[in-house]
Protein backbone atom coordinates (compact mmCIF):
# COMPACT_ATOMS: atom_id res chain seq x y z
CA MET A 1 2.17 -44.97 24.98
CA THR A 2 -1.54 -45.48 25.46
CA ASP A 3 -2.17 -47.94 22.59
CA PRO A 4 0.20 -50.60 21.23
CA GLU A 5 1.82 -49.98 17.86
CA ARG A 6 0.45 -52.20 15.06
CA VAL A 7 3.33 -53.79 13.12
CA LYS A 8 4.09 -56.41 10.46
CA VAL A 9 6.78 -58.90 11.50
CA THR A 10 8.55 -60.95 8.78
CA ASN A 11 10.93 -63.86 9.26
CA THR A 12 13.75 -63.11 6.80
CA LYS A 13 14.66 -66.81 6.54
CA SER A 14 11.24 -68.37 5.93
CA GLY A 15 9.47 -65.31 4.48
CA LYS A 16 6.47 -65.77 6.81
CA THR A 17 4.70 -62.57 7.88
CA ILE A 18 2.19 -61.83 10.64
CA GLU A 19 0.52 -58.73 12.05
CA GLY A 20 0.65 -58.01 15.75
CA ALA A 21 0.96 -55.43 18.50
CA LEU A 22 4.30 -53.97 19.63
CA PHE A 23 4.55 -53.27 23.37
CA ARG A 24 7.27 -51.34 25.18
CA ARG A 25 9.22 -53.77 27.33
CA GLU A 26 10.72 -53.01 30.72
CA ARG A 27 14.12 -51.39 30.27
CA ALA A 28 15.59 -53.11 33.30
CA ASN A 29 14.83 -56.60 31.97
CA PRO A 30 17.81 -58.40 30.39
CA GLY A 31 17.70 -60.03 26.97
CA PRO A 32 17.30 -58.92 23.35
CA ARG A 33 15.57 -55.65 22.48
CA ILE A 34 12.76 -57.43 20.62
CA GLN A 35 11.01 -60.44 22.12
CA LEU A 36 8.22 -62.41 20.43
CA SER A 37 5.34 -64.12 22.16
CA SER A 38 5.01 -67.89 21.86
CA ASP A 39 2.05 -67.57 19.46
CA ALA A 40 3.93 -65.11 17.22
CA ALA A 41 7.04 -67.31 17.18
CA ALA A 42 4.99 -70.36 16.22
CA ALA A 43 3.27 -68.46 13.39
CA LEU A 44 6.65 -67.31 12.03
CA GLY A 45 8.23 -70.75 12.33
CA ILE A 46 10.77 -69.69 15.00
CA LEU A 47 11.89 -72.08 17.73
CA ALA A 48 11.62 -70.88 21.32
CA GLY A 49 14.86 -69.36 22.59
CA GLN A 50 16.49 -69.29 19.14
CA PRO A 51 17.66 -65.80 18.01
CA THR A 52 16.30 -65.09 14.53
CA GLU A 53 16.58 -62.06 12.26
CA VAL A 54 13.20 -60.44 11.57
CA THR A 55 12.01 -57.23 9.95
CA ILE A 56 9.42 -55.04 11.66
CA VAL A 57 7.31 -52.51 9.75
CA ALA A 58 4.92 -50.16 11.57
CA VAL A 59 1.36 -50.08 10.19
CA ARG A 60 -0.26 -46.68 10.64
CA GLN A 61 -3.39 -45.07 9.23
CA GLU A 62 -3.45 -41.48 8.09
CA GLU A 63 -6.58 -39.44 7.49
CA ILE A 64 -6.50 -37.20 4.42
CA GLU A 65 -9.00 -34.35 4.29
CA LEU A 66 -10.20 -33.52 0.80
CA ALA A 67 -11.20 -29.96 0.00
CA PRO A 68 -14.86 -29.63 -1.08
CA GLU A 69 -15.44 -29.19 -4.79
CA PRO A 70 -16.61 -25.70 -5.82
CA LEU A 71 -20.23 -25.43 -6.85
CA PRO A 72 -20.77 -24.79 -10.59
CA ILE A 73 -21.98 -21.31 -11.43
CA GLY A 74 -23.94 -20.91 -14.68
CA GLU A 75 -23.91 -17.89 -16.95
CA ASP A 76 -27.61 -17.17 -16.23
CA SER A 77 -27.49 -17.24 -12.43
CA ASP A 78 -30.50 -16.49 -10.28
CA ALA A 79 -28.73 -13.63 -8.55
CA VAL A 80 -31.04 -10.94 -7.24
CA ASP A 81 -30.45 -7.41 -8.39
CA THR A 82 -30.43 -5.26 -5.29
CA SER A 83 -29.31 -2.03 -6.93
CA ASP A 84 -32.77 -0.47 -6.54
CA ALA A 85 -33.45 -1.93 -3.09
CA PRO A 86 -33.04 0.27 -0.03
CA ALA A 87 -29.80 0.06 1.93
CA THR A 88 -31.44 -1.65 4.91
CA ASP A 89 -34.60 -3.72 4.66
CA ASP A 90 -35.55 -4.80 8.18
CA THR A 91 -38.82 -6.34 6.99
CA ALA A 92 -37.05 -8.70 4.56
CA GLU A 93 -34.49 -9.69 7.19
CA VAL A 94 -37.24 -10.48 9.72
CA ALA A 95 -39.13 -12.56 7.13
CA ILE A 96 -36.01 -14.53 6.19
CA THR A 97 -35.17 -15.12 9.86
CA ALA A 98 -38.71 -16.30 10.64
CA GLY A 99 -38.67 -18.64 7.65
CA ALA A 100 -35.32 -20.11 8.69
CA THR A 101 -36.58 -20.59 12.23
CA ALA A 102 -39.70 -22.38 10.98
CA VAL A 103 -37.63 -24.69 8.77
CA ALA A 104 -35.25 -25.44 11.65
CA ALA A 105 -38.14 -26.19 13.99
CA GLU A 106 -39.70 -28.49 11.40
CA ALA A 107 -36.37 -30.24 10.83
CA VAL A 108 -35.77 -31.05 14.48
CA LYS A 109 -39.29 -32.31 15.09
CA PRO A 110 -38.85 -35.92 16.26
CA ALA A 111 -40.40 -38.64 14.16
CA PRO A 112 -43.25 -40.56 15.81
CA LYS A 113 -42.10 -43.76 17.48
CA PRO A 114 -43.43 -46.82 15.61
CA LYS A 115 -45.87 -48.90 17.59
CA GLY A 116 -45.39 -52.61 18.15
CA PHE A 117 -47.91 -55.39 17.64
CA TRP A 118 -49.54 -55.01 21.05
CA GLY A 119 -49.81 -51.22 20.68
CA LYS A 120 -51.58 -51.50 17.29
CA PHE A 121 -53.90 -54.23 18.59
CA ARG A 122 -54.78 -52.15 21.66
CA ASP A 123 -55.56 -49.08 19.53
CA SER A 124 -57.77 -51.17 17.25
CA LEU A 125 -59.76 -52.36 20.28
CA ARG A 126 -60.09 -48.85 21.71
CA ASN A 127 -61.24 -47.40 18.37
CA LYS A 128 -63.58 -50.29 17.59
CA PRO A 129 -67.08 -49.06 16.54
CA ALA A 130 -70.31 -50.25 18.08
CA SER A 131 -71.36 -53.85 17.50
CA ASP A 132 -73.00 -55.01 14.27
CA VAL A 133 -76.22 -55.71 16.19
CA ALA A 134 -76.43 -52.11 17.41
CA LEU A 135 -75.83 -50.73 13.88
CA ALA A 136 -78.52 -53.01 12.45
CA ALA A 137 -81.01 -51.83 15.08
CA ASP A 138 -80.31 -48.15 14.28
CA ALA A 139 -80.66 -48.74 10.53
CA THR A 140 -84.05 -50.49 10.92
CA GLU A 141 -85.45 -48.23 13.58
CA ASP A 142 -88.54 -47.36 11.49
CA ALA A 143 -89.09 -50.83 9.99
CA THR A 144 -92.14 -52.87 10.91
CA VAL A 145 -90.26 -55.64 12.69
CA PRO A 146 -90.15 -56.57 16.35
CA ASP A 147 -87.70 -54.67 18.49
CA VAL A 148 -84.32 -56.33 18.73
CA GLU A 149 -82.53 -56.34 22.06
CA THR A 150 -79.03 -54.93 21.69
CA GLN A 151 -76.02 -54.86 24.04
CA THR A 152 -72.82 -52.86 23.68
CA LEU A 153 -69.40 -54.54 23.86
CA ASP A 154 -67.65 -51.61 25.52
CA PRO A 155 -67.01 -53.49 28.82
CA VAL A 156 -65.41 -56.38 26.93
CA THR A 157 -63.28 -54.01 24.88
CA THR A 158 -62.17 -52.14 27.99
CA ALA A 159 -61.28 -55.39 29.78
CA ALA A 160 -59.25 -56.61 26.79
CA ALA A 161 -57.34 -53.32 26.58
CA ALA A 162 -56.59 -53.46 30.31
CA ALA A 163 -55.30 -57.04 29.96
CA ILE A 164 -53.00 -55.99 27.09
CA ASP A 165 -51.66 -53.05 29.14
CA GLN A 166 -50.90 -55.43 32.00
CA ALA A 167 -49.13 -57.86 29.63
CA GLU A 168 -46.96 -55.05 28.19
CA THR A 169 -46.08 -53.86 31.70
CA THR A 170 -45.01 -57.40 32.62
CA GLU A 171 -42.85 -57.69 29.48
CA GLU A 172 -41.15 -54.34 30.16
CA THR A 173 -40.32 -55.17 33.80
CA PRO A 174 -36.52 -55.61 34.00
CA ALA A 175 -35.11 -58.89 35.21
CA PRO A 176 -33.68 -58.91 38.74
CA ALA A 177 -29.97 -58.19 39.07
CA ALA A 178 -27.63 -61.18 39.00
CA ALA A 179 -26.58 -62.50 42.36
CA ALA A 180 -23.05 -61.87 43.61
CA SER A 181 -20.39 -64.39 42.57
CA ALA A 182 -20.02 -67.37 44.90
CA LEU A 183 -16.53 -68.28 43.58
CA GLN A 184 -13.63 -68.12 45.99
CA ASN A 185 -11.39 -66.43 43.38
CA PRO A 186 -13.73 -64.67 40.93
CA TYR A 187 -11.03 -62.41 39.40
CA ILE A 188 -8.17 -63.06 36.94
CA GLN A 189 -4.97 -61.07 37.45
CA VAL A 190 -3.31 -60.55 34.07
CA GLY A 191 -0.15 -58.76 35.23
CA LEU A 192 1.51 -56.27 37.60
CA PHE A 193 3.55 -53.42 36.04
CA SER A 194 5.80 -50.68 37.35
CA LEU A 195 4.82 -48.31 34.49
CA GLU A 196 1.24 -47.22 33.98
CA GLU A 197 1.72 -46.98 30.21
CA ASN A 198 2.62 -50.67 30.03
CA ALA A 199 -0.51 -51.57 32.00
CA SER A 200 -2.60 -49.39 29.65
CA ALA A 201 -1.08 -51.13 26.62
CA VAL A 202 -2.00 -54.56 27.98
CA ALA A 203 -5.54 -53.36 28.76
CA ALA A 204 -5.89 -52.07 25.18
CA ASN A 205 -4.77 -55.43 23.79
CA LEU A 206 -7.36 -57.22 25.94
CA ARG A 207 -10.12 -54.89 24.75
CA GLN A 208 -9.23 -55.68 21.13
CA ALA A 209 -9.80 -59.36 21.96
CA GLY A 210 -13.25 -58.58 23.45
CA ILE A 211 -12.17 -58.70 27.11
CA ILE A 212 -12.99 -55.77 29.43
CA PRO A 213 -10.12 -55.26 31.92
CA GLU A 214 -9.62 -52.97 34.92
CA ILE A 215 -6.46 -51.10 35.98
CA ARG A 216 -5.78 -50.36 39.65
CA GLY A 217 -2.76 -48.67 41.20
CA GLN A 218 -1.41 -49.99 44.48
CA SER A 219 1.56 -49.04 46.67
CA SER A 220 4.49 -51.44 47.05
CA GLY A 221 6.76 -51.86 50.05
CA ASP A 222 9.37 -49.39 48.74
CA SER A 223 6.84 -46.53 48.37
CA LYS A 224 6.44 -47.12 44.64
CA THR A 225 3.17 -47.48 42.76
CA LEU A 226 2.52 -50.70 40.88
CA TRP A 227 -0.24 -50.98 38.27
CA ARG A 228 -2.38 -54.11 38.36
CA VAL A 229 -4.39 -55.31 35.34
CA TYR A 230 -7.22 -57.71 36.19
CA VAL A 231 -10.54 -59.03 34.78
CA GLY A 232 -13.74 -59.98 36.59
CA PRO A 233 -15.61 -60.88 38.58
CA MET A 234 -16.94 -64.13 37.02
CA SER A 235 -20.11 -65.77 38.29
CA THR A 236 -19.54 -69.40 37.24
CA ALA A 237 -16.56 -71.73 37.18
CA ASP A 238 -17.07 -72.43 33.45
CA ASP A 239 -16.88 -68.73 32.57
CA GLN A 240 -13.82 -68.39 34.78
CA ALA A 241 -11.97 -71.27 33.10
CA ALA A 242 -12.87 -70.12 29.57
CA LEU A 243 -11.74 -66.53 30.19
CA LEU A 244 -8.48 -67.61 31.85
CA ALA A 245 -7.67 -69.81 28.84
CA GLN A 246 -8.42 -66.93 26.45
CA VAL A 247 -6.12 -64.56 28.39
CA LYS A 248 -3.27 -67.09 28.29
CA ARG A 249 -3.75 -67.60 24.54
CA LEU A 250 -3.12 -63.87 24.10
CA GLY A 251 0.38 -64.41 25.52
CA TYR A 252 -0.19 -63.63 29.22
CA THR A 253 0.79 -67.07 30.48
CA ASP A 254 1.46 -65.78 34.01
CA ALA A 255 -2.21 -64.87 34.57
CA PHE A 256 -3.78 -66.46 37.65
CA LEU A 257 -7.00 -66.47 39.69
CA ALA A 258 -7.34 -63.91 42.48
CA PRO A 259 -9.92 -63.22 45.22
CA ASN A 260 -10.14 -59.49 44.47
């Protein structure tokens, strides 16, 4: 079993119903065949350690594939009469193939990436025309007025564009990687299992709660492989305490802090 079975559990006495995950328990463990977590028992109104009759219904999703509807065919179809056409028309086949290739090439042409604010502003500076003073001097070149001294703004425009490029490069520079955790026990061990499928089921339940776990196999003293489920590392004590509390709320009350 890679993923836990989703089920509906109903207390036949109180009529309360909840949805949860059904995990395969260790066969060697004593006790009843079905055991509820403390959170599930509280939601169903069942006292801890009190045997209660419940009904369990598996909740499964099935995908149904619908056959495509046939296309309507009118009486006056646009079928092409090929009775008078030659048996093989290589020219027509080449034209159709070339047309299909052109359409495919046009379809896969990537759309231009939209420019941001700085990109548009930079392009406007680079494409800026000559100054108003220079245009006025050219328009009145033959007029009987004293010559007007003009000066282009190209150096200013170039300097502004270079400053914008530098600002964009600074914004796109990734932040330095986070420093290694200074905590003595930065990991949380959720559980240790003799079956890999049980460890995988616990990891799947943690992922559904938004926690990213890791599974590692390790050899025991009797040459057997045990499967360890753990989370981490955490960088701060606050994150460590919050995540440990969340893991225990999911029913893994035996979780503890570990150095690795």
